Amino acid sequence: MISEPLLIADSVAPLLAIQILAVVYFMSSRIESINHVEVYEKDGSELNSLRSKKPSIIIREHWNRKEFVVVNMGELSYTVLARDLIAAIENAQNAHSGL
């Protein structure tokens, strides 16, 4: 991808060429966010294995849309609205607030 802007650099001032290269490089870079959420219970039973042996749920960014996240559980992958997942977690935590 950087080889194309170098062709542009031959026909413009060096300072402008550096700015063009910086913008193209910034637009083509991608930041990944991979989050492992450790599983503490499976089917209501506590998992007593070492932390490295426990399964985890992986939550990562969607490749194209900020409002989505991808949730991986084992071999399964789900794309969900991030705000819906956040609301579901908050609602689940509030279920015990009256006790």
PDB file of N, CA and C in Angstrom:
ATOM      1  N   MET A   1       0.824  -1.190   0.000  1.00  0.00           N
ATOM      2  CA  MET A   1       0.000   0.000   0.000  1.00  0.00           C
ATOM      3  C   MET A   1       0.865   1.249   0.000  1.00  0.00           C
ATOM      4  N   ILE A   2       2.022   1.230   0.597  1.00  0.00           N
ATOM      5  CA  ILE A   2       2.876   2.411   0.649  1.00  0.00           C
ATOM      6  C   ILE A   2       3.550   2.669  -0.696  1.00  0.00           C
ATOM      7  N   SER A   3       3.684   1.651  -1.540  1.00  0.00           N
ATOM      8  CA  SER A   3       4.343   1.857  -2.825  1.00  0.00           C
ATOM      9  C   SER A   3       3.557   2.797  -3.730  1.00  0.00           C
ATOM     10  N   GLU A   4       2.225   2.802  -3.650  1.00  0.00           N
ATOM     11  CA  GLU A   4       1.427   3.714  -4.464  1.00  0.00           C
ATOM     12  C   GLU A   4       1.660   5.179  -4.102  1.00  0.00           C
ATOM     13  N   PRO A   5       1.648   5.561  -2.822  1.00  0.00           N
ATOM     14  CA  PRO A   5       1.911   6.969  -2.495  1.00  0.00           C
ATOM     15  C   PRO A   5       3.308   7.418  -2.883  1.00  0.00           C
ATOM     16  N   LEU A   6       4.278   6.513  -2.956  1.00  0.00           N
ATOM     17  CA  LEU A   6       5.615   6.894  -3.373  1.00  0.00           C
ATOM     18  C   LEU A   6       5.609   7.407  -4.804  1.00  0.00           C
ATOM     19  N   LEU A   7       4.731   6.878  -5.652  1.00  0.00           N
ATOM     20  CA  LEU A   7       4.601   7.383  -7.015  1.00  0.00           C
ATOM     21  C   LEU A   7       4.084   8.817  -6.996  1.00  0.00           C
ATOM     22  N   ILE A   8       3.170   9.111  -6.093  1.00  0.00           N
ATOM     23  CA  ILE A   8       2.653  10.471  -5.947  1.00  0.00           C
ATOM     24  C   ILE A   8       3.769  11.397  -5.470  1.00  0.00           C
ATOM     25  N   ALA A   9       4.637  10.898  -4.604  1.00  0.00           N
ATOM     26  CA  ALA A   9       5.691  11.710  -4.015  1.00  0.00           C
ATOM     27  C   ALA A   9       6.655  12.243  -5.071  1.00  0.00           C
ATOM     28  N   ASP A  10       6.840  11.553  -6.178  1.00  0.00           N
ATOM     29  CA  ASP A  10       7.738  11.996  -7.226  1.00  0.00           C
ATOM     30  C   ASP A  10       7.256  13.276  -7.904  1.00  0.00           C
ATOM     31  N   SER A  11       5.961  13.563  -7.842  1.00  0.00           N
ATOM     32  CA  SER A  11       5.439  14.704  -8.588  1.00  0.00           C
ATOM     33  C   SER A  11       5.039  15.892  -7.704  1.00  0.00           C
ATOM     34  N   VAL A  12       5.269  15.811  -6.403  1.00  0.00           N
ATOM     35  CA  VAL A  12       4.899  16.919  -5.525  1.00  0.00           C
ATOM     36  C   VAL A  12       6.069  17.295  -4.638  1.00  0.00           C
ATOM     37  N   ALA A  13       5.943  18.404  -3.952  1.00  0.00           N
ATOM     38  CA  ALA A  13       7.004  18.864  -3.051  1.00  0.00           C
ATOM     39  C   ALA A  13       7.239  17.826  -1.951  1.00  0.00           C
ATOM     40  N   PRO A  14       8.485  17.664  -1.499  1.00  0.00           N
ATOM     41  CA  PRO A  14       8.804  16.649  -0.476  1.00  0.00           C
ATOM     42  C   PRO A  14       7.974  16.770   0.800  1.00  0.00           C
ATOM     43  N   LEU A  15       7.724  17.969   1.293  1.00  0.00           N
ATOM     44  CA  LEU A  15       6.940  18.129   2.516  1.00  0.00           C
ATOM     45  C   LEU A  15       5.508  17.644   2.307  1.00  0.00           C
ATOM     46  N   LEU A  16       4.935  18.004   1.177  1.00  0.00           N
ATOM     47  CA  LEU A  16       3.585  17.567   0.867  1.00  0.00           C
ATOM     48  C   LEU A  16       3.546  16.055   0.716  1.00  0.00           C
ATOM     49  N   ALA A  17       4.580  15.476   0.115  1.00  0.00           N
ATOM     50  CA  ALA A  17       4.644  14.032  -0.059  1.00  0.00           C
ATOM     51  C   ALA A  17       4.656  13.319   1.289  1.00  0.00           C
ATOM     52  N   ILE A  18       5.375  13.875   2.250  1.00  0.00           N
ATOM     53  CA  ILE A  18       5.419  13.277   3.589  1.00  0.00           C
ATOM     54  C   ILE A  18       4.034  13.329   4.219  1.00  0.00           C
ATOM     55  N   GLN A  19       3.328  14.437   4.054  1.00  0.00           N
ATOM     56  CA  GLN A  19       1.981  14.540   4.602  1.00  0.00           C
ATOM     57  C   GLN A  19       1.039  13.537   3.951  1.00  0.00           C
ATOM     58  N   ILE A  20       1.130  13.370   2.650  1.00  0.00           N
ATOM     59  CA  ILE A  20       0.283  12.415   1.944  1.00  0.00           C
ATOM     60  C   ILE A  20       0.574  11.002   2.427  1.00  0.00           C
ATOM     61  N   LEU A  21       1.844  10.647   2.566  1.00  0.00           N
ATOM     62  CA  LEU A  21       2.213   9.323   3.046  1.00  0.00           C
ATOM     63  C   LEU A  21       1.684   9.075   4.444  1.00  0.00           C
ATOM     64  N   ALA A  22       1.774  10.073   5.310  1.00  0.00           N
ATOM     65  CA  ALA A  22       1.300   9.920   6.687  1.00  0.00           C
ATOM     66  C   ALA A  22      -0.203   9.681   6.719  1.00  0.00           C
ATOM     67  N   VAL A  23      -0.965  10.401   5.924  1.00  0.00           N
ATOM     68  CA  VAL A  23      -2.411  10.222   5.902  1.00  0.00           C
ATOM     69  C   VAL A  23      -2.772   8.854   5.355  1.00  0.00           C
ATOM     70  N   VAL A  24      -2.164   8.432   4.279  1.00  0.00           N
ATOM     71  CA  VAL A  24      -2.461   7.118   3.694  1.00  0.00           C
ATOM     72  C   VAL A  24      -2.090   6.013   4.668  1.00  0.00           C
ATOM     73  N   TYR A  25      -0.943   6.129   5.323  1.00  0.00           N
ATOM     74  CA  TYR A  25      -0.530   5.101   6.274  1.00  0.00           C
ATOM     75  C   TYR A  25      -1.501   5.053   7.447  1.00  0.00           C
ATOM     76  N   PHE A  26      -1.911   6.211   7.973  1.00  0.00           N
ATOM     77  CA  PHE A  26      -2.823   6.247   9.110  1.00  0.00           C
ATOM     78  C   PHE A  26      -4.157   5.617   8.744  1.00  0.00           C
ATOM     79  N   MET A  27      -4.660   5.904   7.559  1.00  0.00           N
ATOM     80  CA  MET A  27      -5.938   5.355   7.142  1.00  0.00           C
ATOM     81  C   MET A  27      -5.868   3.851   6.927  1.00  0.00           C
ATOM     82  N   SER A  28      -4.718   3.321   6.555  1.00  0.00           N
ATOM     83  CA  SER A  28      -4.626   1.898   6.278  1.00  0.00           C
ATOM     84  C   SER A  28      -4.294   1.080   7.512  1.00  0.00           C
ATOM     85  N   SER A  29      -3.841   1.720   8.599  1.00  0.00           N
ATOM     86  CA  SER A  29      -3.532   0.965   9.806  1.00  0.00           C
ATOM     87  C   SER A  29      -4.826   0.620  10.540  1.00  0.00           C
ATOM     88  N   ARG A  30      -4.785  -0.470  11.309  1.00  0.00           N
ATOM     89  CA  ARG A  30      -5.965  -0.928  12.014  1.00  0.00           C
ATOM     90  C   ARG A  30      -5.561  -1.331  13.421  1.00  0.00           C
ATOM     91  N   ILE A  31      -6.310  -0.898  14.393  1.00  0.00           N
ATOM     92  CA  ILE A  31      -6.039  -1.252  15.775  1.00  0.00           C
ATOM     93  C   ILE A  31      -6.961  -2.403  16.142  1.00  0.00           C
ATOM     94  N   GLU A  32      -6.381  -3.473  16.680  1.00  0.00           N
ATOM     95  CA  GLU A  32      -7.177  -4.599  17.128  1.00  0.00           C
ATOM     96  C   GLU A  32      -7.356  -4.530  18.629  1.00  0.00           C
ATOM     97  N   SER A  33      -8.526  -4.907  19.084  1.00  0.00           N
ATOM     98  CA  SER A  33      -8.801  -4.999  20.515  1.00  0.00           C
ATOM     99  C   SER A  33      -9.353  -6.387  20.778  1.00  0.00           C
ATOM    100  N   ILE A  34      -8.583  -7.196  21.493  1.00  0.00           N
ATOM    101  CA  ILE A  34      -8.999  -8.555  21.824  1.00  0.00           C
ATOM    102  C   ILE A  34      -9.046  -8.657  23.344  1.00  0.00           C
ATOM    103  N   ASN A  35     -10.217  -8.995  23.877  1.00  0.00           N
ATOM    104  CA  ASN A  35     -10.432  -9.048  25.318  1.00  0.00           C
ATOM    105  C   ASN A  35     -10.865 -10.449  25.724  1.00  0.00           C
ATOM    106  N   HIS A  36     -10.130 -11.052  26.642  1.00  0.00           N
ATOM    107  CA  HIS A  36     -10.458 -12.385  27.143  1.00  0.00           C
ATOM    108  C   HIS A  36     -11.193 -12.234  28.474  1.00  0.00           C
ATOM    109  N   VAL A  37     -12.386 -12.802  28.561  1.00  0.00           N
ATOM    110  CA  VAL A  37     -13.167 -12.788  29.783  1.00  0.00           C
ATOM    111  C   VAL A  37     -13.149 -14.208  30.338  1.00  0.00           C
ATOM    112  N   GLU A  38     -12.535 -14.366  31.505  1.00  0.00           N
ATOM    113  CA  GLU A  38     -12.390 -15.695  32.098  1.00  0.00           C
ATOM    114  C   GLU A  38     -13.746 -16.242  32.548  1.00  0.00           C
ATOM    115  N   VAL A  39     -13.958 -17.537  32.310  1.00  0.00           N
ATOM    116  CA  VAL A  39     -15.185 -18.217  32.717  1.00  0.00           C
ATOM    117  C   VAL A  39     -14.956 -18.826  34.100  1.00  0.00           C
ATOM    118  N   TYR A  40     -15.830 -18.521  35.047  1.00  0.00           N
ATOM    119  CA  TYR A  40     -15.692 -19.018  36.423  1.00  0.00           C
ATOM    120  C   TYR A  40     -16.590 -20.210  36.719  1.00  0.00           C
ATOM    121  N   GLU A  41     -17.729 -20.297  36.028  1.00  0.00           N
ATOM    122  CA  GLU A  41     -18.637 -21.424  36.210  1.00  0.00           C
ATOM    123  C   GLU A  41     -19.098 -21.927  34.853  1.00  0.00           C
ATOM    124  N   LYS A  42     -19.346 -23.230  34.792  1.00  0.00           N
ATOM    125  CA  LYS A  42     -19.905 -23.828  33.578  1.00  0.00           C
ATOM    126  C   LYS A  42     -21.111 -24.638  34.004  1.00  0.00           C
ATOM    127  N   ASP A  43     -22.284 -24.321  33.448  1.00  0.00           N
ATOM    128  CA  ASP A  43     -23.542 -24.981  33.800  1.00  0.00           C
ATOM    129  C   ASP A  43     -23.795 -24.957  35.305  1.00  0.00           C
ATOM    130  N   GLY A  44     -23.447 -23.857  35.971  1.00  0.00           N
ATOM    131  CA  GLY A  44     -23.689 -23.696  37.395  1.00  0.00           C
ATOM    132  C   GLY A  44     -22.644 -24.306  38.307  1.00  0.00           C
ATOM    133  N   SER A  45     -21.650 -24.988  37.740  1.00  0.00           N
ATOM    134  CA  SER A  45     -20.594 -25.602  38.551  1.00  0.00           C
ATOM    135  C   SER A  45     -19.317 -24.791  38.432  1.00  0.00           C
ATOM    136  N   GLU A  46     -18.679 -24.552  39.587  1.00  0.00           N
ATOM    137  CA  GLU A  46     -17.449 -23.767  39.608  1.00  0.00           C
ATOM    138  C   GLU A  46     -16.315 -24.522  38.923  1.00  0.00           C
ATOM    139  N   LEU A  47     -15.540 -23.785  38.146  1.00  0.00           N
ATOM    140  CA  LEU A  47     -14.367 -24.358  37.491  1.00  0.00           C
ATOM    141  C   LEU A  47     -13.162 -24.131  38.395  1.00  0.00           C
ATOM    142  N   ASN A  48     -12.566 -25.193  38.880  1.00  0.00           N
ATOM    143  CA  ASN A  48     -11.457 -25.087  39.827  1.00  0.00           C
ATOM    144  C   ASN A  48     -10.096 -25.278  39.172  1.00  0.00           C
ATOM    145  N   SER A  49     -10.034 -25.322  37.875  1.00  0.00           N
ATOM    146  CA  SER A  49      -8.756 -25.540  37.199  1.00  0.00           C
ATOM    147  C   SER A  49      -7.889 -24.289  37.257  1.00  0.00           C
ATOM    148  N   LEU A  50      -6.642 -24.449  36.855  1.00  0.00           N
ATOM    149  CA  LEU A  50      -5.731 -23.313  36.787  1.00  0.00           C
ATOM    150  C   LEU A  50      -6.278 -22.267  35.831  1.00  0.00           C
ATOM    151  N   ARG A  51      -5.914 -21.038  36.085  1.00  0.00           N
ATOM    152  CA  ARG A  51      -6.404 -19.940  35.242  1.00  0.00           C
ATOM    153  C   ARG A  51      -6.091 -20.180  33.764  1.00  0.00           C
ATOM    154  N   SER A  52      -4.915 -20.691  33.457  1.00  0.00           N
ATOM    155  CA  SER A  52      -4.524 -20.907  32.064  1.00  0.00           C
ATOM    156  C   SER A  52      -5.339 -22.015  31.398  1.00  0.00           C
ATOM    157  N   LYS A  53      -5.982 -22.865  32.182  1.00  0.00           N
ATOM    158  CA  LYS A  53      -6.766 -23.980  31.639  1.00  0.00           C
ATOM    159  C   LYS A  53      -8.255 -23.648  31.544  1.00  0.00           C
ATOM    160  N   LYS A  54      -8.677 -22.552  32.167  1.00  0.00           N
ATOM    161  CA  LYS A  54     -10.087 -22.184  32.132  1.00  0.00           C
ATOM    162  C   LYS A  54     -10.457 -21.656  30.755  1.00  0.00           C
ATOM    163  N   PRO A  55     -11.675 -21.934  30.319  1.00  0.00           N
ATOM    164  CA  PRO A  55     -12.109 -21.350  29.043  1.00  0.00           C
ATOM    165  C   PRO A  55     -12.331 -19.848  29.198  1.00  0.00           C
ATOM    166  N   SER A  56     -12.366 -19.155  28.095  1.00  0.00           N
ATOM    167  CA  SER A  56     -12.644 -17.725  28.133  1.00  0.00           C
ATOM    168  C   SER A  56     -13.556 -17.351  26.982  1.00  0.00           C
ATOM    169  N   ILE A  57     -14.266 -16.280  27.198  1.00  0.00           N
ATOM    170  CA  ILE A  57     -15.081 -15.680  26.144  1.00  0.00           C
ATOM    171  C   ILE A  57     -14.231 -14.555  25.577  1.00  0.00           C
ATOM    172  N   ILE A  58     -14.144 -14.481  24.273  1.00  0.00           N
ATOM    173  CA  ILE A  58     -13.316 -13.457  23.632  1.00  0.00           C
ATOM    174  C   ILE A  58     -14.243 -12.410  23.011  1.00  0.00           C
ATOM    175  N   ILE A  59     -13.978 -11.168  23.358  1.00  0.00           N
ATOM    176  CA  ILE A  59     -14.743 -10.054  22.791  1.00  0.00           C
ATOM    177  C   ILE A  59     -13.761  -9.164  22.049  1.00  0.00           C
ATOM    178  N   ARG A  60     -14.050  -8.923  20.797  1.00  0.00           N
ATOM    179  CA  ARG A  60     -13.137  -8.124  19.968  1.00  0.00           C
ATOM    180  C   ARG A  60     -13.907  -7.127  19.114  1.00  0.00           C
ATOM    181  N   GLU A  61     -13.168  -6.238  18.519  1.00  0.00           N
ATOM    182  CA  GLU A  61     -13.785  -5.207  17.681  1.00  0.00           C
ATOM    183  C   GLU A  61     -14.340  -5.829  16.400  1.00  0.00           C
ATOM    184  N   HIS A  62     -15.342  -5.203  15.862  1.00  0.00           N
ATOM    185  CA  HIS A  62     -15.861  -5.598  14.542  1.00  0.00           C
ATOM    186  C   HIS A  62     -14.911  -5.032  13.501  1.00  0.00           C
ATOM    187  N   TRP A  63     -14.719  -5.725  12.438  1.00  0.00           N
ATOM    188  CA  TRP A  63     -13.724  -5.316  11.435  1.00  0.00           C
ATOM    189  C   TRP A  63     -14.083  -4.000  10.752  1.00  0.00           C
ATOM    190  N   ASN A  64     -15.383  -3.624  10.762  1.00  0.00           N
ATOM    191  CA  ASN A  64     -15.775  -2.485   9.940  1.00  0.00           C
ATOM    192  C   ASN A  64     -16.664  -1.463  10.654  1.00  0.00           C
ATOM    193  N   ARG A  65     -17.381  -1.882  11.694  1.00  0.00           N
ATOM    194  CA  ARG A  65     -18.381  -0.990  12.289  1.00  0.00           C
ATOM    195  C   ARG A  65     -18.178  -0.861  13.790  1.00  0.00           C
ATOM    196  N   LYS A  66     -18.023   0.367  14.251  1.00  0.00           N
ATOM    197  CA  LYS A  66     -17.734   0.648  15.664  1.00  0.00           C
ATOM    198  C   LYS A  66     -18.867   0.223  16.586  1.00  0.00           C
ATOM    199  N   GLU A  67     -20.108   0.292  16.131  1.00  0.00           N
ATOM    200  CA  GLU A  67     -21.236  -0.023  17.011  1.00  0.00           C
ATOM    201  C   GLU A  67     -21.394  -1.516  17.299  1.00  0.00           C
ATOM    202  N   PHE A  68     -20.654  -2.366  16.594  1.00  0.00           N
ATOM    203  CA  PHE A  68     -20.711  -3.807  16.799  1.00  0.00           C
ATOM    204  C   PHE A  68     -19.462  -4.325  17.506  1.00  0.00           C
ATOM    205  N   VAL A  69     -19.609  -5.438  18.216  1.00  0.00           N
ATOM    206  CA  VAL A  69     -18.481  -6.205  18.722  1.00  0.00           C
ATOM    207  C   VAL A  69     -18.713  -7.654  18.328  1.00  0.00           C
ATOM    208  N   VAL A  70     -17.630  -8.418  18.288  1.00  0.00           N
ATOM    209  CA  VAL A  70     -17.712  -9.837  17.969  1.00  0.00           C
ATOM    210  C   VAL A  70     -17.419 -10.610  19.247  1.00  0.00           C
ATOM    211  N   VAL A  71     -18.317 -11.527  19.592  1.00  0.00           N
ATOM    212  CA  VAL A  71     -18.180 -12.346  20.788  1.00  0.00           C
ATOM    213  C   VAL A  71     -17.895 -13.776  20.330  1.00  0.00           C
ATOM    214  N   ASN A  72     -16.752 -14.315  20.754  1.00  0.00           N
ATOM    215  CA  ASN A  72     -16.372 -15.686  20.411  1.00  0.00           C
ATOM    216  C   ASN A  72     -16.483 -16.562  21.653  1.00  0.00           C
ATOM    217  N   MET A  73     -17.216 -17.660  21.520  1.00  0.00           N
ATOM    218  CA  MET A  73     -17.330 -18.652  22.588  1.00  0.00           C
ATOM    219  C   MET A  73     -17.011 -20.011  21.965  1.00  0.00           C
ATOM    220  N   GLY A  74     -15.800 -20.477  22.214  1.00  0.00           N
ATOM    221  CA  GLY A  74     -15.377 -21.731  21.590  1.00  0.00           C
ATOM    222  C   GLY A  74     -15.307 -21.565  20.089  1.00  0.00           C
ATOM    223  N   GLU A  75     -16.008 -22.415  19.379  1.00  0.00           N
ATOM    224  CA  GLU A  75     -16.019 -22.380  17.915  1.00  0.00           C
ATOM    225  C   GLU A  75     -17.056 -21.409  17.356  1.00  0.00           C
ATOM    226  N   LEU A  76     -17.917 -20.877  18.225  1.00  0.00           N
ATOM    227  CA  LEU A  76     -19.002 -20.010  17.774  1.00  0.00           C
ATOM    228  C   LEU A  76     -18.587 -18.547  17.817  1.00  0.00           C
ATOM    229  N   SER A  77     -19.077 -17.779  16.851  1.00  0.00           N
ATOM    230  CA  SER A  77     -18.773 -16.353  16.765  1.00  0.00           C
ATOM    231  C   SER A  77     -20.075 -15.599  16.514  1.00  0.00           C
ATOM    232  N   TYR A  78     -20.343 -14.590  17.359  1.00  0.00           N
ATOM    233  CA  TYR A  78     -21.552 -13.793  17.234  1.00  0.00           C
ATOM    234  C   TYR A  78     -21.189 -12.318  17.112  1.00  0.00           C
ATOM    235  N   THR A  79     -21.863 -11.617  16.222  1.00  0.00           N
ATOM    236  CA  THR A  79     -21.717 -10.170  16.116  1.00  0.00           C
ATOM    237  C   THR A  79     -22.957  -9.547  16.737  1.00  0.00           C
ATOM    238  N   VAL A  80     -22.739  -8.665  17.730  1.00  0.00           N
ATOM    239  CA  VAL A  80     -23.848  -8.050  18.451  1.00  0.00           C
ATOM    240  C   VAL A  80     -23.613  -6.548  18.559  1.00  0.00           C
ATOM    241  N   LEU A  81     -24.676  -5.821  18.813  1.00  0.00           N
ATOM    242  CA  LEU A  81     -24.539  -4.387  19.082  1.00  0.00           C
ATOM    243  C   LEU A  81     -23.872  -4.216  20.445  1.00  0.00           C
ATOM    244  N   ALA A  82     -22.823  -3.430  20.495  1.00  0.00           N
ATOM    245  CA  ALA A  82     -22.087  -3.228  21.743  1.00  0.00           C
ATOM    246  C   ALA A  82     -22.999  -2.653  22.818  1.00  0.00           C
ATOM    247  N   ARG A  83     -23.852  -1.706  22.474  1.00  0.00           N
ATOM    248  CA  ARG A  83     -24.728  -1.093  23.480  1.00  0.00           C
ATOM    249  C   ARG A  83     -25.715  -2.107  24.049  1.00  0.00           C
ATOM    250  N   ASP A  84     -26.150  -3.077  23.242  1.00  0.00           N
ATOM    251  CA  ASP A  84     -27.059  -4.110  23.737  1.00  0.00           C
ATOM    252  C   ASP A  84     -26.352  -5.038  24.725  1.00  0.00           C
ATOM    253  N   LEU A  85     -25.111  -5.374  24.437  1.00  0.00           N
ATOM    254  CA  LEU A  85     -24.336  -6.228  25.340  1.00  0.00           C
ATOM    255  C   LEU A  85     -24.068  -5.501  26.658  1.00  0.00           C
ATOM    256  N   ILE A  86     -23.702  -4.239  26.587  1.00  0.00           N
ATOM    257  CA  ILE A  86     -23.473  -3.441  27.795  1.00  0.00           C
ATOM    258  C   ILE A  86     -24.754  -3.343  28.622  1.00  0.00           C
ATOM    259  N   ALA A  87     -25.889  -3.076  27.980  1.00  0.00           N
ATOM    260  CA  ALA A  87     -27.172  -2.970  28.685  1.00  0.00           C
ATOM    261  C   ALA A  87     -27.548  -4.302  29.325  1.00  0.00           C
ATOM    262  N   ALA A  88     -27.324  -5.408  28.636  1.00  0.00           N
ATOM    263  CA  ALA A  88     -27.643  -6.729  29.189  1.00  0.00           C
ATOM    264  C   ALA A  88     -26.814  -7.021  30.436  1.00  0.00           C
ATOM    265  N   ILE A  89     -25.529  -6.669  30.415  1.00  0.00           N
ATOM    266  CA  ILE A  89     -24.662  -6.880  31.573  1.00  0.00           C
ATOM    267  C   ILE A  89     -25.121  -6.007  32.743  1.00  0.00           C
ATOM    268  N   GLU A  90     -25.428  -4.744  32.471  1.00  0.00           N
ATOM    269  CA  GLU A  90     -25.888  -3.851  33.539  1.00  0.00           C
ATOM    270  C   GLU A  90     -27.201  -4.340  34.133  1.00  0.00           C
ATOM    271  N   ASN A  91     -28.136  -4.802  33.288  1.00  0.00           N
ATOM    272  CA  ASN A  91     -29.407  -5.324  33.774  1.00  0.00           C
ATOM    273  C   ASN A  91     -29.201  -6.572  34.628  1.00  0.00           C
ATOM    274  N   ALA A  92     -28.305  -7.460  34.203  1.00  0.00           N
ATOM    275  CA  ALA A  92     -28.037  -8.679  34.971  1.00  0.00           C
ATOM    276  C   ALA A  92     -27.445  -8.333  36.338  1.00  0.00           C
ATOM    277  N   GLN A  93     -26.582  -7.343  36.392  1.00  0.00           N
ATOM    278  CA  GLN A  93     -25.991  -6.932  37.662  1.00  0.00           C
ATOM    279  C   GLN A  93     -27.013  -6.257  38.579  1.00  0.00           C
ATOM    280  N   ASN A  94     -27.998  -5.583  38.016  1.00  0.00           N
ATOM    281  CA  ASN A  94     -29.021  -4.894  38.803  1.00  0.00           C
ATOM    282  C   ASN A  94     -30.082  -5.848  39.361  1.00  0.00           C
ATOM    283  N   ALA A  95     -30.101  -7.087  38.903  1.00  0.00           N
ATOM    284  CA  ALA A  95     -31.107  -8.048  39.350  1.00  0.00           C
ATOM    285  C   ALA A  95     -31.020  -8.271  40.856  1.00  0.00           C
ATOM    286  N   HIS A  96     -29.851  -8.103  41.453  1.00  0.00           N
ATOM    287  CA  HIS A  96     -29.676  -8.345  42.896  1.00  0.00           C
ATOM    288  C   HIS A  96     -29.592  -7.048  43.697  1.00  0.00           C
ATOM    289  N   SER A  97     -29.878  -5.929  43.082  1.00  0.00           N
ATOM    290  CA  SER A  97     -29.713  -4.644  43.767  1.00  0.00           C
ATOM    291  C   SER A  97     -30.721  -4.431  44.888  1.00  0.00           C
ATOM    292  N   GLY A  98     -31.882  -5.105  44.853  1.00  0.00           N
ATOM    293  CA  GLY A  98     -32.896  -4.929  45.875  1.00  0.00           C
ATOM    294  C   GLY A  98     -32.697  -5.841  47.082  1.00  0.00           C
ATOM    295  N   LEU A  99     -31.706  -6.706  47.038  1.00  0.00           N
ATOM    296  CA  LEU A  99     -31.505  -7.650  48.155  1.00  0.00           C
ATOM    297  C   LEU A  99     -30.676  -7.057  49.255  1.00  0.00           C
TER     298      LEU A  99
END
